[in-house]
């Protein structure tokens, strides 16, 4: 997705911003739901510049419907595979689910919208890790697979506080997002991963608003 040379100093600055974005997202302040999107965008802008960032966010290449559908299904299959290995009842509940049903219907809708903005930002944060790494290893036969896996594991670690420092749910969250990053490559746009990530979470969050 990238042909523009990138500087290691820019990558270091971007990684610092990504850490700040993750910390900000789990800090209880009024606009923490904007943290991932703000710092994720900033990290990509610093590494790749405005033109390349804009290109990353362009409309998806067609045909994309069945590609995204299959990748979304694969994500659920990965989750199911990990679920089968552990006692899922021991998993801490994601706070976003509780927040989606913590008040009146309007309040719940607002919380789901905030979470959706944060989800979009999560894709930007992971892109800030995965894509620069891929730039350096893209000539390797397994460069993309390696870059994607490292980005996924980093994504899992980002949720360590959310899941009370339990590794299994973080591993599940991390590995099951492999298809999200693959959607970037399959559609030649970060939108692909954003869309299936949103759908995957909204399938849980929208019903939670009414339970």
N, C-alpha and C. Protein backbone atom coordinates (compact mmCIF):
# COMPACT_ATOMS: atom_id res chain seq x y z
N UNK A 1 0.82 -1.21 0.00
CA UNK A 1 0.00 0.00 0.00
C UNK A 1 0.85 1.26 0.00
N UNK A 2 2.17 1.08 0.20
CA UNK A 2 3.02 2.25 0.31
C UNK A 2 4.26 2.12 -0.55
N UNK A 3 4.60 3.17 -1.29
CA UNK A 3 5.81 3.17 -2.10
C UNK A 3 6.73 4.32 -1.69
N UNK A 4 6.27 5.16 -0.77
CA UNK A 4 7.03 6.33 -0.37
C UNK A 4 8.06 5.95 0.69
N UNK A 5 9.32 6.37 0.51
CA UNK A 5 10.34 6.09 1.53
C UNK A 5 9.94 6.68 2.87
N UNK A 6 10.22 5.96 3.94
CA UNK A 6 9.90 6.45 5.27
C UNK A 6 11.15 6.48 6.12
N UNK A 7 11.19 7.40 7.07
CA UNK A 7 12.35 7.60 7.93
C UNK A 7 12.13 6.93 9.28
N UNK A 8 13.17 6.31 9.79
CA UNK A 8 13.07 5.62 11.06
C UNK A 8 12.75 6.59 12.20
N UNK A 9 13.24 7.83 12.10
CA UNK A 9 12.92 8.81 13.14
C UNK A 9 11.42 9.11 13.17
N UNK A 10 10.80 9.15 12.00
CA UNK A 10 9.36 9.36 11.93
C UNK A 10 8.60 8.18 12.53
N UNK A 11 9.13 6.99 12.29
CA UNK A 11 8.50 5.79 12.85
C UNK A 11 8.56 5.82 14.37
N UNK A 12 9.69 6.22 14.93
CA UNK A 12 9.84 6.29 16.39
C UNK A 12 8.87 7.30 16.99
N UNK A 13 8.76 8.46 16.34
CA UNK A 13 7.80 9.47 16.81
C UNK A 13 6.38 8.93 16.74
N UNK A 14 6.07 8.24 15.64
CA UNK A 14 4.73 7.70 15.45
C UNK A 14 4.42 6.63 16.49
N UNK A 15 5.38 5.77 16.79
CA UNK A 15 5.16 4.74 17.81
C UNK A 15 4.90 5.37 19.18
N UNK A 16 5.58 6.47 19.45
CA UNK A 16 5.34 7.19 20.71
C UNK A 16 3.91 7.71 20.75
N UNK A 17 3.46 8.26 19.62
CA UNK A 17 2.08 8.76 19.56
C UNK A 17 1.07 7.63 19.70
N UNK A 18 1.39 6.47 19.14
CA UNK A 18 0.50 5.32 19.25
C UNK A 18 0.35 4.91 20.71
N UNK A 19 1.46 4.89 21.43
CA UNK A 19 1.41 4.56 22.86
C UNK A 19 0.55 5.58 23.62
N UNK A 20 0.76 6.85 23.30
CA UNK A 20 -0.04 7.92 23.93
C UNK A 20 -1.53 7.72 23.61
N UNK A 21 -1.82 7.34 22.36
CA UNK A 21 -3.20 7.12 21.96
C UNK A 21 -3.85 5.98 22.71
N UNK A 22 -3.11 4.91 22.92
CA UNK A 22 -3.64 3.76 23.66
C UNK A 22 -3.87 4.13 25.12
N UNK A 23 -2.90 4.79 25.73
CA UNK A 23 -3.04 5.21 27.13
C UNK A 23 -4.21 6.17 27.27
N UNK A 24 -4.33 7.08 26.32
CA UNK A 24 -5.44 8.04 26.37
C UNK A 24 -6.79 7.36 26.26
N UNK A 25 -6.85 6.29 25.48
CA UNK A 25 -8.13 5.59 25.28
C UNK A 25 -8.62 4.90 26.54
N UNK A 26 -7.70 4.49 27.42
CA UNK A 26 -8.10 3.77 28.64
C UNK A 26 -8.11 4.69 29.86
N UNK A 27 -7.83 5.98 29.63
CA UNK A 27 -7.85 6.96 30.71
C UNK A 27 -9.25 7.56 30.81
N UNK A 28 -9.82 7.63 31.99
CA UNK A 28 -11.20 8.11 32.14
C UNK A 28 -11.33 9.63 32.05
N UNK A 29 -11.23 10.17 30.85
CA UNK A 29 -11.53 11.58 30.65
C UNK A 29 -12.57 11.72 29.54
N UNK A 30 -13.17 12.87 29.43
CA UNK A 30 -14.37 13.05 28.61
C UNK A 30 -14.19 12.69 27.14
N UNK A 31 -13.02 12.96 26.57
CA UNK A 31 -12.83 12.75 25.14
C UNK A 31 -11.88 11.59 24.85
N UNK A 32 -11.83 10.61 25.76
CA UNK A 32 -10.92 9.48 25.53
C UNK A 32 -11.31 8.66 24.30
N UNK A 33 -12.58 8.75 23.89
CA UNK A 33 -13.04 7.99 22.72
C UNK A 33 -12.46 8.54 21.41
N UNK A 34 -11.90 9.75 21.47
CA UNK A 34 -11.26 10.34 20.29
C UNK A 34 -9.77 10.04 20.23
N UNK A 35 -9.24 9.47 21.29
CA UNK A 35 -7.79 9.30 21.40
C UNK A 35 -7.21 8.42 20.30
N UNK A 36 -7.83 7.27 20.03
CA UNK A 36 -7.27 6.36 19.03
C UNK A 36 -7.31 6.99 17.64
N UNK A 37 -8.40 7.65 17.32
CA UNK A 37 -8.53 8.25 15.99
C UNK A 37 -7.56 9.41 15.81
N UNK A 38 -7.43 10.26 16.81
CA UNK A 38 -6.55 11.41 16.71
C UNK A 38 -5.09 10.98 16.59
N UNK A 39 -4.64 10.15 17.51
CA UNK A 39 -3.23 9.76 17.52
C UNK A 39 -2.91 8.74 16.43
N UNK A 40 -3.91 7.92 16.05
CA UNK A 40 -3.70 7.02 14.94
C UNK A 40 -3.50 7.77 13.64
N UNK A 41 -4.32 8.78 13.40
CA UNK A 41 -4.18 9.61 12.20
C UNK A 41 -2.85 10.34 12.21
N UNK A 42 -2.50 10.89 13.38
CA UNK A 42 -1.25 11.64 13.50
C UNK A 42 -0.04 10.76 13.20
N UNK A 43 -0.08 9.52 13.69
CA UNK A 43 1.06 8.62 13.47
C UNK A 43 1.25 8.32 11.98
N UNK A 44 0.15 8.08 11.27
CA UNK A 44 0.25 7.79 9.84
C UNK A 44 0.67 9.01 9.03
N UNK A 45 0.18 10.17 9.45
CA UNK A 45 0.56 11.41 8.76
C UNK A 45 2.06 11.68 8.91
N UNK A 46 2.58 11.41 10.09
CA UNK A 46 4.00 11.65 10.32
C UNK A 46 4.85 10.69 9.51
N UNK A 47 4.44 9.43 9.46
CA UNK A 47 5.24 8.42 8.75
C UNK A 47 5.15 8.58 7.23
N UNK A 48 3.91 8.73 6.73
CA UNK A 48 3.70 8.66 5.29
C UNK A 48 3.39 9.99 4.62
N UNK A 49 3.00 10.99 5.38
CA UNK A 49 2.63 12.26 4.79
C UNK A 49 1.16 12.29 4.38
N UNK A 50 0.68 13.50 4.09
CA UNK A 50 -0.74 13.69 3.83
C UNK A 50 -1.21 12.96 2.58
N UNK A 51 -0.47 13.05 1.48
CA UNK A 51 -0.93 12.45 0.22
C UNK A 51 -1.07 10.94 0.33
N UNK A 52 -0.06 10.31 0.95
CA UNK A 52 -0.12 8.86 1.09
C UNK A 52 -1.21 8.45 2.06
N UNK A 53 -1.39 9.22 3.14
CA UNK A 53 -2.46 8.95 4.09
C UNK A 53 -3.82 9.05 3.40
N UNK A 54 -3.99 10.08 2.59
CA UNK A 54 -5.23 10.25 1.84
C UNK A 54 -5.46 9.07 0.91
N UNK A 55 -4.39 8.58 0.28
CA UNK A 55 -4.50 7.43 -0.61
C UNK A 55 -4.91 6.17 0.15
N UNK A 56 -4.40 6.02 1.35
CA UNK A 56 -4.76 4.87 2.18
C UNK A 56 -6.25 4.86 2.53
N UNK A 57 -6.83 6.04 2.60
CA UNK A 57 -8.23 6.18 3.00
C UNK A 57 -9.18 6.29 1.81
N UNK A 58 -8.69 6.04 0.62
CA UNK A 58 -9.52 6.16 -0.58
C UNK A 58 -10.59 5.07 -0.59
N UNK A 59 -11.63 5.20 -1.42
CA UNK A 59 -12.65 4.15 -1.54
C UNK A 59 -12.04 2.81 -1.91
N UNK A 60 -12.66 1.74 -1.46
CA UNK A 60 -12.15 0.39 -1.70
C UNK A 60 -12.25 0.01 -3.17
N UNK A 61 -11.29 -0.82 -3.61
CA UNK A 61 -11.32 -1.32 -4.97
C UNK A 61 -12.41 -2.38 -5.11
N UNK A 62 -13.18 -2.30 -6.19
CA UNK A 62 -14.23 -3.27 -6.45
C UNK A 62 -13.67 -4.46 -7.21
N UNK A 63 -14.30 -5.64 -7.05
CA UNK A 63 -15.41 -5.95 -6.16
C UNK A 63 -14.90 -6.22 -4.75
N UNK A 64 -15.62 -5.76 -3.75
CA UNK A 64 -15.14 -5.91 -2.38
C UNK A 64 -16.13 -6.62 -1.45
N UNK A 65 -17.40 -6.71 -1.84
CA UNK A 65 -18.40 -7.23 -0.90
C UNK A 65 -18.06 -8.64 -0.41
N UNK A 66 -17.83 -9.57 -1.35
CA UNK A 66 -17.58 -10.95 -0.95
C UNK A 66 -16.22 -11.10 -0.28
N UNK A 67 -15.26 -10.29 -0.66
CA UNK A 67 -13.97 -10.31 0.02
C UNK A 67 -14.14 -9.97 1.50
N UNK A 68 -14.87 -8.90 1.76
CA UNK A 68 -15.08 -8.47 3.14
C UNK A 68 -15.93 -9.48 3.91
N UNK A 69 -16.93 -10.03 3.24
CA UNK A 69 -17.79 -11.02 3.90
C UNK A 69 -16.99 -12.24 4.33
N UNK A 70 -16.11 -12.73 3.48
CA UNK A 70 -15.31 -13.90 3.80
C UNK A 70 -14.29 -13.59 4.90
N UNK A 71 -13.72 -12.41 4.87
CA UNK A 71 -12.76 -12.03 5.90
C UNK A 71 -13.44 -11.85 7.25
N UNK A 72 -14.65 -11.30 7.24
CA UNK A 72 -15.42 -11.17 8.47
C UNK A 72 -15.74 -12.54 9.05
N UNK A 73 -16.14 -13.46 8.18
CA UNK A 73 -16.41 -14.83 8.62
C UNK A 73 -15.16 -15.47 9.19
N UNK A 74 -14.02 -15.26 8.55
CA UNK A 74 -12.77 -15.81 9.04
C UNK A 74 -12.43 -15.28 10.43
N UNK A 75 -12.71 -14.02 10.67
CA UNK A 75 -12.46 -13.44 11.98
C UNK A 75 -13.27 -14.15 13.06
N UNK A 76 -14.55 -14.40 12.76
CA UNK A 76 -15.40 -15.11 13.72
C UNK A 76 -14.93 -16.54 13.94
N UNK A 77 -14.43 -17.19 12.88
CA UNK A 77 -13.93 -18.55 13.00
C UNK A 77 -12.68 -18.60 13.88
N UNK A 78 -11.82 -17.60 13.75
CA UNK A 78 -10.62 -17.53 14.60
C UNK A 78 -11.02 -17.35 16.05
N UNK A 79 -11.99 -16.47 16.30
CA UNK A 79 -12.47 -16.27 17.66
C UNK A 79 -13.04 -17.57 18.22
N UNK A 80 -13.84 -18.25 17.40
CA UNK A 80 -14.43 -19.51 17.84
C UNK A 80 -13.39 -20.56 18.15
N UNK A 81 -12.32 -20.59 17.35
CA UNK A 81 -11.25 -21.55 17.59
C UNK A 81 -10.55 -21.30 18.91
N UNK A 82 -10.31 -20.04 19.25
CA UNK A 82 -9.66 -19.71 20.52
C UNK A 82 -10.63 -19.92 21.68
N UNK A 83 -11.90 -19.57 21.47
CA UNK A 83 -12.90 -19.80 22.51
C UNK A 83 -12.95 -21.27 22.91
N UNK A 84 -12.79 -22.16 21.94
CA UNK A 84 -12.91 -23.59 22.21
C UNK A 84 -11.77 -24.11 23.08
N UNK A 85 -10.71 -23.33 23.21
CA UNK A 85 -9.55 -23.77 23.98
C UNK A 85 -9.59 -23.35 25.44
N UNK A 86 -10.49 -22.43 25.78
CA UNK A 86 -10.50 -21.88 27.13
C UNK A 86 -11.92 -21.76 27.65
N UNK A 87 -12.02 -21.47 28.95
CA UNK A 87 -13.31 -21.23 29.57
C UNK A 87 -13.69 -19.77 29.34
N UNK A 88 -14.58 -19.53 28.39
CA UNK A 88 -14.91 -18.15 28.03
C UNK A 88 -15.64 -17.43 29.16
N UNK A 89 -16.23 -18.17 30.08
CA UNK A 89 -16.93 -17.54 31.20
C UNK A 89 -15.96 -16.80 32.12
N UNK A 90 -14.67 -17.17 32.00
CA UNK A 90 -13.66 -16.52 32.83
C UNK A 90 -13.15 -15.23 32.20
N UNK A 91 -13.56 -14.94 30.94
CA UNK A 91 -13.10 -13.73 30.27
C UNK A 91 -13.77 -12.51 30.90
N UNK A 92 -13.00 -11.46 31.19
CA UNK A 92 -13.62 -10.20 31.62
C UNK A 92 -14.45 -9.63 30.48
N UNK A 93 -15.53 -8.95 30.81
CA UNK A 93 -16.38 -8.35 29.79
C UNK A 93 -15.78 -7.04 29.29
N UNK A 94 -15.82 -6.84 27.99
CA UNK A 94 -15.35 -5.59 27.43
C UNK A 94 -16.21 -4.45 27.95
N UNK A 95 -15.61 -3.39 28.54
CA UNK A 95 -16.39 -2.28 29.09
C UNK A 95 -17.31 -1.62 28.07
N UNK A 96 -16.97 -1.70 26.78
CA UNK A 96 -17.81 -1.08 25.74
C UNK A 96 -19.19 -1.72 25.72
N UNK A 97 -19.28 -3.01 26.05
CA UNK A 97 -20.57 -3.69 26.07
C UNK A 97 -21.43 -3.16 27.20
N UNK A 98 -20.81 -2.99 28.38
CA UNK A 98 -21.55 -2.45 29.51
C UNK A 98 -21.97 -1.01 29.28
N UNK A 99 -21.11 -0.22 28.65
CA UNK A 99 -21.42 1.18 28.39
C UNK A 99 -22.56 1.32 27.40
N UNK A 100 -22.75 0.31 26.54
CA UNK A 100 -23.82 0.37 25.54
C UNK A 100 -25.19 0.14 26.16
N UNK A 101 -25.24 -0.27 27.41
CA UNK A 101 -26.52 -0.49 28.08
C UNK A 101 -26.44 0.01 29.51
N UNK A 102 -26.06 1.28 29.63
CA UNK A 102 -25.84 1.85 30.96
C UNK A 102 -26.73 3.06 31.23
N UNK A 103 -27.76 3.21 30.40
CA UNK A 103 -28.65 4.35 30.57
C UNK A 103 -29.86 4.25 29.68
N UNK A 104 -30.44 5.40 29.31
CA UNK A 104 -31.56 5.41 28.39
C UNK A 104 -31.10 5.09 26.99
N UNK A 105 -32.06 4.92 26.08
CA UNK A 105 -31.72 4.51 24.71
C UNK A 105 -30.84 5.56 24.03
N UNK A 106 -31.12 6.86 24.25
CA UNK A 106 -30.31 7.91 23.62
C UNK A 106 -28.88 7.86 24.14
N UNK A 107 -28.74 7.68 25.44
CA UNK A 107 -27.41 7.58 26.04
C UNK A 107 -26.66 6.37 25.50
N UNK A 108 -27.36 5.26 25.33
CA UNK A 108 -26.74 4.04 24.80
C UNK A 108 -26.27 4.24 23.36
N UNK A 109 -27.12 4.91 22.57
CA UNK A 109 -26.75 5.17 21.16
C UNK A 109 -25.50 6.03 21.10
N UNK A 110 -25.43 7.04 21.95
CA UNK A 110 -24.26 7.92 21.97
C UNK A 110 -23.00 7.13 22.32
N UNK A 111 -23.13 6.22 23.29
CA UNK A 111 -21.97 5.41 23.68
C UNK A 111 -21.51 4.51 22.54
N UNK A 112 -22.46 3.96 21.80
CA UNK A 112 -22.10 3.10 20.66
C UNK A 112 -21.43 3.92 19.57
N UNK A 113 -21.90 5.14 19.34
CA UNK A 113 -21.27 6.01 18.36
C UNK A 113 -19.83 6.33 18.77
N UNK A 114 -19.63 6.64 20.04
CA UNK A 114 -18.29 6.91 20.55
C UNK A 114 -17.38 5.70 20.36
N UNK A 115 -17.90 4.52 20.68
CA UNK A 115 -17.12 3.30 20.52
C UNK A 115 -16.77 3.07 19.06
N UNK A 116 -17.71 3.39 18.16
CA UNK A 116 -17.47 3.22 16.73
C UNK A 116 -16.34 4.12 16.25
N UNK A 117 -16.31 5.36 16.74
CA UNK A 117 -15.22 6.28 16.39
C UNK A 117 -13.89 5.72 16.90
N UNK A 118 -13.92 5.17 18.11
CA UNK A 118 -12.71 4.59 18.68
C UNK A 118 -12.23 3.37 17.88
N UNK A 119 -13.18 2.59 17.37
CA UNK A 119 -12.85 1.41 16.56
C UNK A 119 -12.13 1.82 15.27
N UNK A 120 -12.64 2.86 14.63
CA UNK A 120 -11.97 3.38 13.43
C UNK A 120 -10.54 3.79 13.77
N UNK A 121 -10.38 4.43 14.91
CA UNK A 121 -9.05 4.84 15.35
C UNK A 121 -8.14 3.66 15.63
N UNK A 122 -8.70 2.57 16.13
CA UNK A 122 -7.89 1.38 16.39
C UNK A 122 -7.26 0.86 15.10
N UNK A 123 -8.01 0.91 14.01
CA UNK A 123 -7.45 0.49 12.72
C UNK A 123 -6.28 1.39 12.32
N UNK A 124 -6.40 2.68 12.60
CA UNK A 124 -5.33 3.61 12.27
C UNK A 124 -4.09 3.35 13.13
N UNK A 125 -4.32 3.04 14.41
CA UNK A 125 -3.19 2.74 15.30
C UNK A 125 -2.44 1.50 14.82
N UNK A 126 -3.19 0.45 14.49
CA UNK A 126 -2.55 -0.79 14.04
C UNK A 126 -1.85 -0.57 12.70
N UNK A 127 -2.44 0.23 11.84
CA UNK A 127 -1.79 0.55 10.56
C UNK A 127 -0.47 1.25 10.79
N UNK A 128 -0.40 2.08 11.85
CA UNK A 128 0.82 2.79 12.17
C UNK A 128 1.94 1.86 12.62
N UNK A 129 1.59 0.64 12.97
CA UNK A 129 2.59 -0.38 13.34
C UNK A 129 2.85 -1.32 12.16
N UNK A 130 1.78 -1.82 11.57
CA UNK A 130 1.89 -2.86 10.55
C UNK A 130 2.52 -2.35 9.25
N UNK A 131 2.06 -1.22 8.76
CA UNK A 131 2.51 -0.76 7.45
C UNK A 131 3.97 -0.31 7.41
N UNK A 132 4.46 0.42 8.43
CA UNK A 132 5.89 0.73 8.41
C UNK A 132 6.76 -0.53 8.48
N UNK A 133 6.32 -1.48 9.30
CA UNK A 133 7.07 -2.73 9.39
C UNK A 133 7.09 -3.44 8.04
N UNK A 134 5.95 -3.47 7.38
CA UNK A 134 5.87 -4.11 6.07
C UNK A 134 6.78 -3.42 5.06
N UNK A 135 6.92 -2.12 5.18
CA UNK A 135 7.80 -1.37 4.28
C UNK A 135 9.22 -1.93 4.32
N UNK A 136 9.67 -2.32 5.52
CA UNK A 136 11.04 -2.79 5.68
C UNK A 136 11.22 -4.26 5.33
N UNK A 137 10.12 -5.04 5.34
CA UNK A 137 10.27 -6.49 5.09
C UNK A 137 9.48 -6.95 3.87
N UNK A 138 8.99 -6.03 3.06
CA UNK A 138 8.09 -6.40 1.97
C UNK A 138 8.75 -7.26 0.90
N UNK A 139 10.08 -7.24 0.84
CA UNK A 139 10.77 -8.09 -0.14
C UNK A 139 10.90 -9.53 0.33
N UNK A 140 10.58 -9.77 1.58
CA UNK A 140 10.58 -11.13 2.11
C UNK A 140 9.31 -11.84 1.69
N UNK A 141 9.40 -13.12 1.38
CA UNK A 141 8.24 -13.89 0.92
C UNK A 141 7.09 -13.83 1.90
N UNK A 142 7.42 -13.85 3.19
CA UNK A 142 6.38 -13.84 4.22
C UNK A 142 6.30 -12.48 4.93
N UNK A 143 6.74 -11.44 4.23
CA UNK A 143 6.78 -10.11 4.82
C UNK A 143 5.44 -9.62 5.31
N UNK A 144 4.41 -9.79 4.47
CA UNK A 144 3.09 -9.30 4.87
C UNK A 144 2.52 -10.10 6.02
N UNK A 145 2.66 -11.42 5.97
CA UNK A 145 2.14 -12.27 7.05
C UNK A 145 2.80 -11.89 8.37
N UNK A 146 4.12 -11.73 8.34
CA UNK A 146 4.86 -11.36 9.56
C UNK A 146 4.42 -10.00 10.07
N UNK A 147 4.33 -9.03 9.18
CA UNK A 147 3.94 -7.68 9.58
C UNK A 147 2.53 -7.67 10.17
N UNK A 148 1.65 -8.39 9.52
CA UNK A 148 0.26 -8.44 9.98
C UNK A 148 0.18 -9.10 11.35
N UNK A 149 0.89 -10.20 11.55
CA UNK A 149 0.87 -10.90 12.84
C UNK A 149 1.40 -10.01 13.96
N UNK A 150 2.49 -9.31 13.69
CA UNK A 150 3.05 -8.43 14.72
C UNK A 150 2.07 -7.30 15.05
N UNK A 151 1.44 -6.74 14.01
CA UNK A 151 0.44 -5.72 14.24
C UNK A 151 -0.74 -6.24 15.05
N UNK A 152 -1.14 -7.48 14.77
CA UNK A 152 -2.25 -8.10 15.50
C UNK A 152 -1.90 -8.33 16.96
N UNK A 153 -0.69 -8.82 17.21
CA UNK A 153 -0.26 -9.04 18.59
C UNK A 153 -0.16 -7.71 19.34
N UNK A 154 0.30 -6.68 18.66
CA UNK A 154 0.35 -5.35 19.27
C UNK A 154 -1.06 -4.87 19.62
N UNK A 155 -2.01 -5.15 18.72
CA UNK A 155 -3.41 -4.79 18.97
C UNK A 155 -3.93 -5.51 20.20
N UNK A 156 -3.58 -6.79 20.35
CA UNK A 156 -3.99 -7.53 21.53
C UNK A 156 -3.43 -6.92 22.79
N UNK A 157 -2.16 -6.52 22.76
CA UNK A 157 -1.52 -5.92 23.93
C UNK A 157 -2.19 -4.59 24.28
N UNK A 158 -2.69 -3.88 23.27
CA UNK A 158 -3.39 -2.63 23.53
C UNK A 158 -4.61 -2.83 24.43
N UNK A 159 -5.13 -4.06 24.47
CA UNK A 159 -6.33 -4.34 25.26
C UNK A 159 -6.02 -4.97 26.61
N UNK A 160 -4.76 -4.96 27.01
CA UNK A 160 -4.36 -5.63 28.24
C UNK A 160 -5.05 -5.03 29.47
N UNK A 161 -5.23 -3.71 29.48
CA UNK A 161 -5.93 -3.07 30.61
C UNK A 161 -7.41 -3.36 30.54
N UNK A 162 -7.97 -3.30 29.34
CA UNK A 162 -9.40 -3.56 29.15
C UNK A 162 -9.79 -4.92 29.69
N UNK A 163 -8.93 -5.93 29.49
CA UNK A 163 -9.24 -7.29 29.91
C UNK A 163 -8.49 -7.70 31.18
N UNK A 164 -8.25 -6.71 32.05
CA UNK A 164 -7.70 -6.98 33.39
C UNK A 164 -6.42 -7.80 33.36
N UNK A 165 -5.57 -7.51 32.39
CA UNK A 165 -4.26 -8.13 32.27
C UNK A 165 -4.32 -9.66 32.07
N UNK A 166 -5.44 -10.14 31.52
CA UNK A 166 -5.55 -11.55 31.17
C UNK A 166 -5.13 -11.73 29.72
N UNK A 167 -4.25 -12.68 29.47
CA UNK A 167 -3.64 -12.81 28.15
C UNK A 167 -4.54 -13.48 27.12
N UNK A 168 -5.36 -14.45 27.53
CA UNK A 168 -6.16 -15.18 26.54
C UNK A 168 -7.12 -14.26 25.78
N UNK A 169 -7.89 -13.42 26.47
CA UNK A 169 -8.77 -12.53 25.69
C UNK A 169 -8.00 -11.57 24.81
N UNK A 170 -6.82 -11.12 25.26
CA UNK A 170 -6.00 -10.24 24.43
C UNK A 170 -5.50 -10.97 23.19
N UNK A 171 -5.13 -12.25 23.37
CA UNK A 171 -4.69 -13.05 22.23
C UNK A 171 -5.83 -13.25 21.25
N UNK A 172 -7.03 -13.50 21.77
CA UNK A 172 -8.20 -13.69 20.91
C UNK A 172 -8.49 -12.42 20.11
N UNK A 173 -8.50 -11.28 20.81
CA UNK A 173 -8.75 -10.00 20.15
C UNK A 173 -7.68 -9.71 19.11
N UNK A 174 -6.44 -10.04 19.44
CA UNK A 174 -5.35 -9.76 18.52
C UNK A 174 -5.38 -10.61 17.27
N UNK A 175 -5.42 -11.93 17.44
CA UNK A 175 -5.36 -12.83 16.29
C UNK A 175 -6.62 -12.76 15.43
N UNK A 176 -7.77 -12.53 16.05
CA UNK A 176 -9.02 -12.49 15.28
C UNK A 176 -9.13 -11.24 14.42
N UNK A 177 -8.20 -10.28 14.61
CA UNK A 177 -8.23 -9.09 13.76
C UNK A 177 -7.31 -9.25 12.55
N UNK A 178 -6.65 -10.39 12.41
CA UNK A 178 -5.80 -10.62 11.24
C UNK A 178 -6.58 -10.35 9.93
N UNK A 179 -7.83 -10.83 9.81
CA UNK A 179 -8.60 -10.55 8.59
C UNK A 179 -8.89 -9.07 8.38
N UNK A 180 -8.94 -8.28 9.47
CA UNK A 180 -9.18 -6.85 9.31
C UNK A 180 -8.04 -6.21 8.53
N UNK A 181 -6.82 -6.52 8.96
CA UNK A 181 -5.65 -5.97 8.26
C UNK A 181 -5.54 -6.53 6.85
N UNK A 182 -5.93 -7.79 6.70
CA UNK A 182 -5.92 -8.39 5.36
C UNK A 182 -6.88 -7.65 4.44
N UNK A 183 -7.95 -7.13 5.01
CA UNK A 183 -8.93 -6.37 4.22
C UNK A 183 -8.32 -5.10 3.67
N UNK A 184 -7.34 -4.50 4.38
CA UNK A 184 -6.64 -3.34 3.81
C UNK A 184 -6.01 -3.72 2.48
N UNK A 185 -5.33 -4.86 2.51
CA UNK A 185 -4.58 -5.30 1.34
C UNK A 185 -5.52 -5.76 0.23
N UNK A 186 -6.60 -6.45 0.61
CA UNK A 186 -7.52 -7.00 -0.38
C UNK A 186 -8.31 -5.92 -1.10
N UNK A 187 -8.59 -4.80 -0.40
CA UNK A 187 -9.37 -3.72 -1.01
C UNK A 187 -8.51 -2.51 -1.35
N UNK A 188 -7.19 -2.58 -1.01
CA UNK A 188 -6.27 -1.47 -1.23
C UNK A 188 -6.75 -0.19 -0.56
N UNK A 189 -7.30 -0.36 0.64
CA UNK A 189 -7.80 0.79 1.40
C UNK A 189 -7.96 0.40 2.87
N UNK A 190 -7.62 1.33 3.77
CA UNK A 190 -7.82 1.07 5.19
C UNK A 190 -9.30 0.95 5.52
N UNK A 191 -10.15 1.45 4.64
CA UNK A 191 -11.59 1.38 4.89
C UNK A 191 -12.07 -0.07 5.03
N UNK A 192 -11.45 -0.97 4.27
CA UNK A 192 -11.88 -2.36 4.33
C UNK A 192 -11.81 -2.91 5.73
N UNK A 193 -10.68 -2.72 6.40
CA UNK A 193 -10.54 -3.19 7.78
C UNK A 193 -11.46 -2.46 8.73
N UNK A 194 -11.63 -1.17 8.50
CA UNK A 194 -12.52 -0.38 9.37
C UNK A 194 -13.94 -0.90 9.31
N UNK A 195 -14.41 -1.22 8.10
CA UNK A 195 -15.79 -1.64 7.92
C UNK A 195 -16.07 -2.97 8.60
N UNK A 196 -15.19 -3.97 8.37
CA UNK A 196 -15.49 -5.27 8.97
C UNK A 196 -15.23 -5.26 10.48
N UNK A 197 -14.31 -4.41 10.94
CA UNK A 197 -14.10 -4.26 12.38
C UNK A 197 -15.35 -3.65 13.02
N UNK A 198 -15.90 -2.64 12.38
CA UNK A 198 -17.13 -2.02 12.90
C UNK A 198 -18.28 -3.01 12.92
N UNK A 199 -18.46 -3.73 11.82
CA UNK A 199 -19.56 -4.70 11.76
C UNK A 199 -19.40 -5.76 12.83
N UNK A 200 -18.19 -6.27 13.02
CA UNK A 200 -17.92 -7.30 14.01
C UNK A 200 -18.30 -6.84 15.41
N UNK A 201 -17.97 -5.60 15.76
CA UNK A 201 -18.28 -5.09 17.09
C UNK A 201 -19.73 -4.66 17.23
N UNK A 202 -20.29 -4.08 16.18
CA UNK A 202 -21.67 -3.61 16.26
C UNK A 202 -22.66 -4.76 16.35
N UNK A 203 -22.29 -5.92 15.84
CA UNK A 203 -23.14 -7.11 15.98
C UNK A 203 -23.38 -7.41 17.45
N UNK A 204 -22.41 -7.05 18.29
CA UNK A 204 -22.54 -7.27 19.74
C UNK A 204 -23.10 -6.03 20.43
N UNK A 205 -22.63 -4.85 20.05
CA UNK A 205 -22.99 -3.64 20.76
C UNK A 205 -24.43 -3.19 20.53
N UNK A 206 -24.93 -3.32 19.30
CA UNK A 206 -26.29 -2.85 19.01
C UNK A 206 -27.34 -3.65 19.81
N UNK A 207 -27.28 -5.00 19.83
CA UNK A 207 -28.23 -5.71 20.68
C UNK A 207 -28.08 -5.37 22.15
N UNK A 208 -26.84 -5.08 22.59
CA UNK A 208 -26.60 -4.77 24.01
C UNK A 208 -27.35 -3.49 24.44
N UNK A 209 -27.62 -2.59 23.49
CA UNK A 209 -28.33 -1.36 23.82
C UNK A 209 -29.73 -1.62 24.34
N UNK A 210 -30.31 -2.78 23.96
CA UNK A 210 -31.72 -3.03 24.28
C UNK A 210 -31.89 -4.14 25.31
N UNK A 211 -30.81 -4.72 25.77
CA UNK A 211 -30.91 -5.84 26.73
C UNK A 211 -30.94 -5.28 28.16
